[in-house]
N, C-alpha and C. Protein backbone atom coordinates (compact mmCIF):
# COMPACT_ATOMS: atom_id res chain seq x y z
N MET A 1 93.27 77.97 58.37
CA MET A 1 94.17 79.04 58.85
C MET A 1 95.41 78.40 59.54
N LYS A 2 96.57 79.06 59.38
CA LYS A 2 97.97 78.54 59.79
C LYS A 2 97.93 79.10 61.37
N ASN A 3 98.18 78.03 62.32
CA ASN A 3 98.58 78.63 63.62
C ASN A 3 99.72 79.39 63.70
N THR A 4 99.89 80.39 64.63
CA THR A 4 101.22 81.03 64.84
C THR A 4 101.80 80.11 65.99
N ARG A 5 103.08 80.40 66.29
CA ARG A 5 103.67 79.71 67.44
C ARG A 5 103.12 79.93 68.62
N ARG A 6 102.58 81.19 68.94
CA ARG A 6 101.78 81.69 70.08
C ARG A 6 100.61 80.86 70.24
N GLN A 7 99.98 80.80 69.06
CA GLN A 7 98.57 80.05 69.34
C GLN A 7 98.79 78.69 69.58
N PHE A 8 99.85 77.91 68.88
CA PHE A 8 100.10 76.64 69.25
C PHE A 8 100.51 76.48 70.76
N ILE A 9 101.30 77.07 71.26
CA ILE A 9 101.61 77.05 72.82
C ILE A 9 100.27 77.18 73.71
N LYS A 10 99.69 78.14 73.39
CA LYS A 10 98.27 78.43 74.16
C LYS A 10 97.54 77.13 73.97
N GLN A 11 97.29 76.62 72.79
CA GLN A 11 96.47 75.41 72.63
C GLN A 11 97.14 74.14 73.40
N ALA A 12 98.29 74.00 73.19
CA ALA A 12 98.82 72.83 73.94
C ALA A 12 98.86 72.98 75.45
N GLY A 13 98.93 74.28 76.08
CA GLY A 13 98.70 74.43 77.41
C GLY A 13 97.47 74.03 77.88
N ILE A 14 96.34 74.55 77.07
CA ILE A 14 95.01 74.34 77.37
C ILE A 14 94.67 72.78 77.36
N ALA A 15 95.30 72.18 76.57
CA ALA A 15 95.20 70.78 76.44
C ALA A 15 95.92 69.88 77.43
N GLY A 16 96.72 70.57 78.27
CA GLY A 16 97.43 69.89 79.40
C GLY A 16 98.68 69.21 78.75
N ILE A 17 99.08 69.63 77.52
CA ILE A 17 100.36 69.06 77.10
C ILE A 17 101.20 70.27 76.70
N ALA A 18 101.48 71.16 77.60
CA ALA A 18 102.38 72.19 77.25
C ALA A 18 103.87 71.70 77.33
N PHE A 19 104.21 71.03 76.30
CA PHE A 19 105.53 70.41 76.34
C PHE A 19 106.68 71.42 76.72
N PRO A 20 107.58 71.08 77.67
CA PRO A 20 108.51 71.97 78.05
C PRO A 20 109.42 72.59 77.02
N SER A 21 109.69 71.96 75.87
CA SER A 21 110.37 72.40 74.91
C SER A 21 110.03 73.78 74.24
N PHE A 22 108.67 74.06 74.31
CA PHE A 22 108.16 75.23 73.67
C PHE A 22 108.61 76.40 74.34
N VAL A 23 108.94 76.18 75.77
CA VAL A 23 109.20 77.40 76.54
C VAL A 23 110.54 77.93 75.91
N ARG A 24 111.53 77.03 75.75
CA ARG A 24 112.86 77.35 75.24
C ARG A 24 112.64 77.84 73.91
N SER A 25 111.90 77.07 72.92
CA SER A 25 111.83 77.50 71.62
C SER A 25 111.21 78.87 71.49
N ALA A 26 110.28 78.95 72.41
CA ALA A 26 109.63 80.57 72.07
C ALA A 26 110.59 81.65 72.45
N TYR A 27 111.64 81.48 73.26
CA TYR A 27 112.45 82.46 73.59
C TYR A 27 113.90 82.54 72.91
N SER A 28 114.27 81.40 72.45
CA SER A 28 115.53 81.35 71.95
C SER A 28 115.81 81.17 70.58
N SER A 29 114.64 81.01 69.76
CA SER A 29 114.77 80.81 68.31
C SER A 29 113.64 81.59 67.70
N SER A 30 113.78 81.65 66.44
CA SER A 30 112.94 82.40 65.49
C SER A 30 111.50 81.88 65.65
N PRO A 31 110.46 82.91 65.62
CA PRO A 31 109.11 82.43 65.52
C PRO A 31 108.80 81.56 64.47
N ASN A 32 109.61 81.41 63.37
CA ASN A 32 109.09 80.69 62.15
C ASN A 32 109.92 79.46 62.20
N SER A 33 110.82 79.04 63.22
CA SER A 33 111.45 77.77 63.19
C SER A 33 110.37 76.60 63.74
N ARG A 34 110.93 75.51 63.58
CA ARG A 34 110.02 74.32 63.82
C ARG A 34 110.62 73.39 64.78
N LEU A 35 109.94 73.01 65.78
CA LEU A 35 110.33 72.06 66.90
C LEU A 35 110.59 70.81 66.38
N GLN A 36 111.97 70.18 66.60
CA GLN A 36 112.12 68.96 66.13
C GLN A 36 112.08 68.11 67.30
N HIS A 37 111.06 66.94 67.23
CA HIS A 37 110.85 66.21 68.24
C HIS A 37 111.09 64.74 67.99
N ALA A 38 111.33 64.01 69.14
CA ALA A 38 111.37 62.47 68.95
C ALA A 38 110.40 61.76 69.87
N SER A 39 109.86 60.64 69.71
CA SER A 39 108.85 60.07 70.36
C SER A 39 109.41 58.48 70.73
N ILE A 40 109.55 58.36 72.17
CA ILE A 40 110.14 57.06 72.47
C ILE A 40 109.10 56.51 73.27
N GLY A 41 108.67 55.14 72.78
CA GLY A 41 107.79 54.43 73.21
C GLY A 41 106.43 54.59 72.63
N LEU A 42 105.92 53.68 71.83
CA LEU A 42 104.60 53.97 70.94
C LEU A 42 103.62 52.83 71.41
N GLY A 43 103.46 52.60 72.46
CA GLY A 43 102.37 51.83 73.01
C GLY A 43 101.15 52.58 73.30
N ASN A 44 100.37 52.19 74.10
CA ASN A 44 99.19 52.92 74.40
C ASN A 44 99.02 54.41 74.71
N MET A 45 99.86 54.93 75.67
CA MET A 45 99.96 56.31 75.92
C MET A 45 100.92 56.86 74.97
N GLY A 46 102.04 56.23 74.54
CA GLY A 46 102.96 56.82 73.60
C GLY A 46 102.37 57.06 72.22
N ILE A 47 101.51 56.28 71.77
CA ILE A 47 100.84 56.45 70.41
C ILE A 47 99.85 57.75 70.70
N ARG A 48 99.26 58.02 71.61
CA ARG A 48 98.40 58.98 71.99
C ARG A 48 99.32 60.35 71.87
N ASP A 49 100.47 60.29 72.60
CA ASP A 49 101.25 61.54 72.69
C ASP A 49 101.85 61.77 71.53
N PHE A 50 102.28 60.86 70.77
CA PHE A 50 102.76 60.88 69.41
C PHE A 50 101.70 61.67 68.38
N LYS A 51 100.61 61.20 68.44
CA LYS A 51 99.70 61.84 67.42
C LYS A 51 99.26 63.00 67.90
N GLU A 52 99.42 63.48 69.21
CA GLU A 52 99.16 64.85 69.67
C GLU A 52 100.18 65.76 69.21
N PHE A 53 101.47 65.27 69.04
CA PHE A 53 102.58 66.13 68.63
C PHE A 53 102.29 66.24 67.25
N LEU A 54 101.94 65.10 66.43
CA LEU A 54 101.76 65.35 64.96
C LEU A 54 100.50 66.39 64.79
N SER A 55 99.84 66.65 65.43
CA SER A 55 98.63 67.43 65.32
C SER A 55 98.90 68.93 65.26
N HIS A 56 100.02 69.21 65.79
CA HIS A 56 100.46 70.62 65.87
C HIS A 56 101.38 71.01 64.76
N GLU A 57 101.07 71.99 63.93
CA GLU A 57 101.79 72.52 62.79
C GLU A 57 103.21 72.83 62.98
N PRO A 58 103.65 73.57 64.08
CA PRO A 58 105.10 73.79 64.19
C PRO A 58 105.95 72.72 64.74
N VAL A 59 105.38 71.59 64.67
CA VAL A 59 106.30 70.20 65.27
C VAL A 59 106.52 69.22 64.17
N ASP A 60 107.79 68.96 64.10
CA ASP A 60 108.25 67.88 63.23
C ASP A 60 108.66 66.80 64.03
N VAL A 61 107.96 65.57 63.91
CA VAL A 61 108.50 64.29 64.54
C VAL A 61 109.38 63.89 63.92
N VAL A 62 110.56 63.81 64.14
CA VAL A 62 111.89 63.23 63.20
C VAL A 62 112.26 62.10 63.57
N ALA A 63 112.07 61.50 64.74
CA ALA A 63 112.38 60.24 65.10
C ALA A 63 111.53 59.46 66.06
N LEU A 64 111.54 58.23 65.67
CA LEU A 64 110.60 57.26 66.40
C LEU A 64 111.42 56.02 66.98
N CYS A 65 110.89 55.72 68.22
CA CYS A 65 111.63 54.40 68.78
C CYS A 65 110.54 53.54 69.53
N ASP A 66 110.60 52.37 69.23
CA ASP A 66 109.80 51.27 69.88
C ASP A 66 110.52 49.94 69.84
N VAL A 67 110.64 49.11 70.84
CA VAL A 67 111.32 47.80 70.51
C VAL A 67 110.28 46.78 69.73
N ASP A 68 109.12 47.11 69.67
CA ASP A 68 108.03 46.53 68.95
C ASP A 68 107.95 46.93 67.59
N SER A 69 108.54 46.14 66.64
CA SER A 69 108.42 46.64 65.24
C SER A 69 107.14 46.88 64.48
N ARG A 70 106.21 46.19 65.04
CA ARG A 70 104.75 46.61 64.59
C ARG A 70 104.44 47.83 65.00
N ARG A 71 104.66 48.26 66.19
CA ARG A 71 104.17 49.57 66.53
C ARG A 71 104.98 50.57 65.76
N LEU A 72 106.23 50.36 65.72
CA LEU A 72 107.25 51.31 65.01
C LEU A 72 106.51 51.42 63.60
N ALA A 73 106.34 50.35 62.84
CA ALA A 73 105.88 50.45 61.40
C ALA A 73 104.64 51.28 61.30
N MET A 74 103.69 51.06 62.24
CA MET A 74 102.29 51.75 62.27
C MET A 74 102.73 53.27 62.57
N ALA A 75 103.48 53.58 63.59
CA ALA A 75 103.86 55.02 63.75
C ALA A 75 104.38 55.72 62.57
N ALA A 76 105.34 54.88 61.90
CA ALA A 76 106.13 55.43 60.76
C ALA A 76 105.16 55.83 59.63
N GLU A 77 104.09 55.06 59.44
CA GLU A 77 103.02 55.26 58.53
C GLU A 77 102.43 56.77 58.50
N LEU A 78 102.35 57.24 59.92
CA LEU A 78 101.89 58.51 60.01
C LEU A 78 102.99 59.63 60.05
N ALA A 79 104.34 59.26 60.35
CA ALA A 79 105.44 60.16 60.04
C ALA A 79 106.45 59.42 59.16
N PRO A 80 106.25 59.41 57.92
CA PRO A 80 107.09 58.49 57.06
C PRO A 80 108.64 59.25 57.01
N LYS A 81 108.78 60.32 57.28
CA LYS A 81 110.05 61.01 57.14
C LYS A 81 110.87 60.72 58.32
N ALA A 82 110.08 60.33 59.50
CA ALA A 82 110.97 60.06 60.76
C ALA A 82 111.86 58.94 60.73
N ARG A 83 113.09 59.23 61.21
CA ARG A 83 113.96 58.23 61.47
C ARG A 83 113.52 56.97 62.50
N ARG A 84 113.72 55.92 62.40
CA ARG A 84 113.24 54.79 63.18
C ARG A 84 114.39 54.14 64.08
N TYR A 85 114.17 53.87 65.18
CA TYR A 85 115.07 53.18 66.03
C TYR A 85 114.35 52.19 67.03
N ALA A 86 114.90 50.95 67.15
CA ALA A 86 114.45 49.98 67.97
C ALA A 86 115.03 50.21 69.63
N ASP A 87 116.00 50.90 69.69
CA ASP A 87 116.90 51.05 70.84
C ASP A 87 116.92 52.54 71.26
N TRP A 88 116.42 52.99 72.33
CA TRP A 88 116.35 54.31 72.83
C TRP A 88 117.88 54.94 72.68
N ARG A 89 118.79 53.96 73.29
CA ARG A 89 120.02 54.60 73.41
C ARG A 89 120.73 54.89 72.26
N GLU A 90 120.24 54.21 70.99
CA GLU A 90 120.75 54.59 69.61
C GLU A 90 120.17 55.75 69.23
N LEU A 91 118.91 56.01 69.50
CA LEU A 91 118.25 57.29 69.16
C LEU A 91 118.98 58.48 69.74
N LEU A 92 119.12 58.49 71.18
CA LEU A 92 119.83 59.37 71.97
C LEU A 92 121.18 59.64 71.19
N GLU A 93 121.90 58.68 70.90
CA GLU A 93 123.26 58.83 70.40
C GLU A 93 123.11 59.53 69.02
N LYS A 94 122.32 58.94 68.14
CA LYS A 94 122.46 59.36 66.75
C LYS A 94 121.66 60.84 66.48
N GLU A 95 120.83 61.11 67.47
CA GLU A 95 119.99 62.33 67.32
C GLU A 95 120.47 63.50 68.07
N HIS A 96 121.58 63.14 68.85
CA HIS A 96 122.22 64.23 69.70
C HIS A 96 122.52 65.52 68.69
N GLY A 97 122.13 66.67 69.31
CA GLY A 97 122.13 67.89 68.40
C GLY A 97 121.19 68.13 67.51
N ARG A 98 120.25 67.19 67.33
CA ARG A 98 119.22 67.35 66.08
C ARG A 98 117.94 67.49 66.67
N ILE A 99 117.53 67.30 67.79
CA ILE A 99 116.41 67.12 68.51
C ILE A 99 116.23 68.29 69.59
N ASP A 100 114.97 69.02 69.72
CA ASP A 100 114.76 69.88 70.74
C ASP A 100 113.98 69.28 71.82
N SER A 101 113.15 68.19 71.80
CA SER A 101 112.33 67.66 72.67
C SER A 101 112.08 66.12 72.47
N VAL A 102 111.51 65.46 73.60
CA VAL A 102 111.34 64.03 73.64
C VAL A 102 110.13 63.97 74.44
N ASN A 103 109.25 62.92 73.92
CA ASN A 103 108.30 62.30 74.82
C ASN A 103 108.64 60.94 75.14
N ILE A 104 108.46 60.45 76.48
CA ILE A 104 108.68 59.31 76.98
C ILE A 104 107.58 58.38 77.39
N ALA A 105 107.28 57.24 76.71
CA ALA A 105 106.22 56.46 77.21
C ALA A 105 106.67 54.99 77.15
N THR A 106 107.84 54.74 77.54
CA THR A 106 108.42 53.35 77.88
C THR A 106 107.79 52.68 78.95
N PRO A 107 108.08 51.37 79.27
CA PRO A 107 107.69 50.71 80.55
C PRO A 107 108.10 51.69 81.62
N ASP A 108 107.16 51.79 82.63
CA ASP A 108 107.36 52.62 83.90
C ASP A 108 108.77 52.50 84.51
N HIS A 109 109.37 51.40 84.66
CA HIS A 109 110.75 51.29 85.13
C HIS A 109 111.86 51.78 84.38
N MET A 110 111.57 52.36 83.16
CA MET A 110 112.54 52.94 82.38
C MET A 110 112.47 54.50 82.35
N HIS A 111 111.39 55.06 82.71
CA HIS A 111 111.27 56.35 82.68
C HIS A 111 112.29 57.46 82.96
N ALA A 112 112.68 57.12 84.14
CA ALA A 112 113.73 57.96 84.90
C ALA A 112 115.18 57.90 84.02
N THR A 113 115.54 56.74 83.59
CA THR A 113 116.81 56.46 82.94
C THR A 113 116.63 57.05 81.71
N VAL A 114 115.60 56.97 80.90
CA VAL A 114 115.63 57.49 79.52
C VAL A 114 115.43 59.07 79.70
N ALA A 115 114.69 59.44 80.75
CA ALA A 115 114.72 61.02 80.92
C ALA A 115 116.05 61.42 81.24
N TYR A 116 116.69 60.88 81.96
CA TYR A 116 118.08 61.39 82.71
C TYR A 116 118.94 61.64 81.17
N HIS A 117 119.03 60.48 80.37
CA HIS A 117 119.85 60.52 79.20
C HIS A 117 119.37 61.78 78.31
N ALA A 118 118.06 61.85 78.29
CA ALA A 118 117.44 62.89 77.16
C ALA A 118 117.82 64.28 77.86
N ILE A 119 117.75 64.41 79.10
CA ILE A 119 117.95 65.73 79.69
C ILE A 119 119.65 66.01 79.56
N LYS A 120 120.23 65.06 79.69
CA LYS A 120 121.75 65.15 79.47
C LYS A 120 122.08 65.59 78.20
N ASN A 121 121.41 65.16 77.31
CA ASN A 121 121.53 65.61 75.69
C ASN A 121 121.02 67.02 75.53
N GLY A 122 120.40 67.46 76.49
CA GLY A 122 120.11 69.17 76.54
C GLY A 122 118.59 69.11 75.92
N TRP A 123 117.79 67.94 75.85
CA TRP A 123 116.42 67.96 75.28
C TRP A 123 115.44 68.34 76.41
N HIS A 124 114.49 68.93 76.20
CA HIS A 124 113.38 68.95 77.18
C HIS A 124 112.47 67.67 77.12
N VAL A 125 111.82 67.28 78.19
CA VAL A 125 111.23 66.07 78.36
C VAL A 125 109.72 66.08 78.74
N TYR A 126 108.84 65.46 77.91
CA TYR A 126 107.56 65.24 78.49
C TYR A 126 107.36 63.71 78.63
N CYS A 127 107.19 63.36 79.79
CA CYS A 127 107.19 61.89 80.29
C CYS A 127 106.01 61.54 81.07
N GLN A 128 105.42 60.26 80.55
CA GLN A 128 104.18 59.67 81.21
C GLN A 128 104.66 59.30 82.58
N LYS A 129 103.65 59.35 83.54
CA LYS A 129 103.98 58.89 84.95
C LYS A 129 104.11 57.55 84.95
N PRO A 130 104.78 56.95 86.09
CA PRO A 130 105.52 57.88 86.88
C PRO A 130 106.91 58.17 86.29
N MET A 131 107.37 59.39 86.35
CA MET A 131 108.62 59.75 85.91
C MET A 131 109.86 59.20 86.68
N CYS A 132 109.59 59.05 88.03
CA CYS A 132 110.53 58.58 88.81
C CYS A 132 109.86 57.40 89.82
N HIS A 133 110.66 56.73 90.58
CA HIS A 133 110.17 55.75 91.58
C HIS A 133 110.46 56.07 93.02
N ASP A 134 111.37 57.08 93.01
CA ASP A 134 111.88 57.43 94.56
C ASP A 134 112.47 58.91 94.62
N VAL A 135 112.64 59.40 95.68
CA VAL A 135 112.97 60.80 95.92
C VAL A 135 114.49 61.14 95.27
N VAL A 136 115.22 59.99 95.30
CA VAL A 136 116.53 60.32 94.93
C VAL A 136 116.60 60.39 93.33
N GLU A 137 115.92 59.61 92.60
CA GLU A 137 115.68 59.89 91.15
C GLU A 137 115.08 61.22 90.80
N VAL A 138 114.10 61.71 91.59
CA VAL A 138 113.62 62.99 91.27
C VAL A 138 114.54 64.09 91.51
N ARG A 139 115.49 64.01 92.54
CA ARG A 139 116.49 64.93 92.77
C ARG A 139 117.68 65.06 91.80
N VAL A 140 118.04 63.92 91.33
CA VAL A 140 118.95 63.74 90.18
C VAL A 140 118.55 64.42 89.13
N LEU A 141 117.28 64.18 88.67
CA LEU A 141 116.50 64.58 87.29
C LEU A 141 116.40 66.24 87.59
N THR A 142 116.00 66.50 88.69
CA THR A 142 115.73 67.92 89.04
C THR A 142 117.09 68.74 88.93
N GLU A 143 118.11 68.48 89.45
CA GLU A 143 119.60 68.94 89.45
C GLU A 143 119.96 69.03 88.01
N LEU A 144 119.82 67.92 87.36
CA LEU A 144 120.32 67.84 85.78
C LEU A 144 119.72 68.80 85.04
N ALA A 145 118.34 68.85 85.10
CA ALA A 145 117.35 69.71 84.25
C ALA A 145 117.84 71.14 84.60
N ALA A 146 118.06 71.60 85.62
CA ALA A 146 118.61 72.85 86.06
C ALA A 146 119.79 73.11 85.58
N LYS A 147 120.75 72.22 85.71
CA LYS A 147 122.11 72.58 85.25
C LYS A 147 122.17 72.63 83.70
N LYS A 148 121.31 71.82 83.00
CA LYS A 148 121.22 71.87 81.53
C LYS A 148 120.33 72.84 80.96
N GLY A 149 119.52 73.59 81.80
CA GLY A 149 118.53 74.58 81.42
C GLY A 149 117.48 73.78 80.73
N GLY A 150 117.15 72.51 81.09
CA GLY A 150 116.02 71.89 80.77
C GLY A 150 114.67 71.82 81.48
N VAL A 151 113.60 71.59 80.89
CA VAL A 151 112.37 71.66 81.46
C VAL A 151 111.75 70.24 81.33
N THR A 152 111.05 69.56 82.35
CA THR A 152 110.42 68.36 82.22
C THR A 152 108.90 68.60 82.56
N GLN A 153 108.03 67.76 82.02
CA GLN A 153 106.77 67.80 82.32
C GLN A 153 106.23 66.31 82.42
N LEU A 154 105.33 66.14 83.16
CA LEU A 154 104.77 64.72 83.57
C LEU A 154 103.42 64.78 82.95
N GLY A 155 103.09 63.58 82.29
CA GLY A 155 101.65 63.32 81.92
C GLY A 155 100.91 62.61 82.72
N THR A 156 99.80 63.15 83.13
CA THR A 156 98.93 62.35 84.15
C THR A 156 97.59 62.06 83.41
């Protein structure tokens, strides 16, 4: 049985991964449209997040990024049509206007930086903890997300 968009959103919420981009997608686009998603960081938590996205019918993982070419190649076997990047900055530049959401599972010290630039691109962000290291970073991301109409969610 094929899942509807509503069923998918409900399942994602129950699983604790109600990725923020679905909020916008559910209200601003056709119920038949597909979510265009990118995964940045394909290590331990990143590969789990990536596989979770792959398991949902209305999601197309269209871009992958990791500095480790072995991890990138393994993930690409599961999403062979996804474009591959070794540098998150290149992904953000080349995928601008083509992505709805991104999950970030880079090393902890990069979370806020990558999230900032993804939100600046207008993407919704699901990020592994910690998203930020201090209150200033939290405020900057909160203000930018509000300005861009974006939503963030933290994986715990």
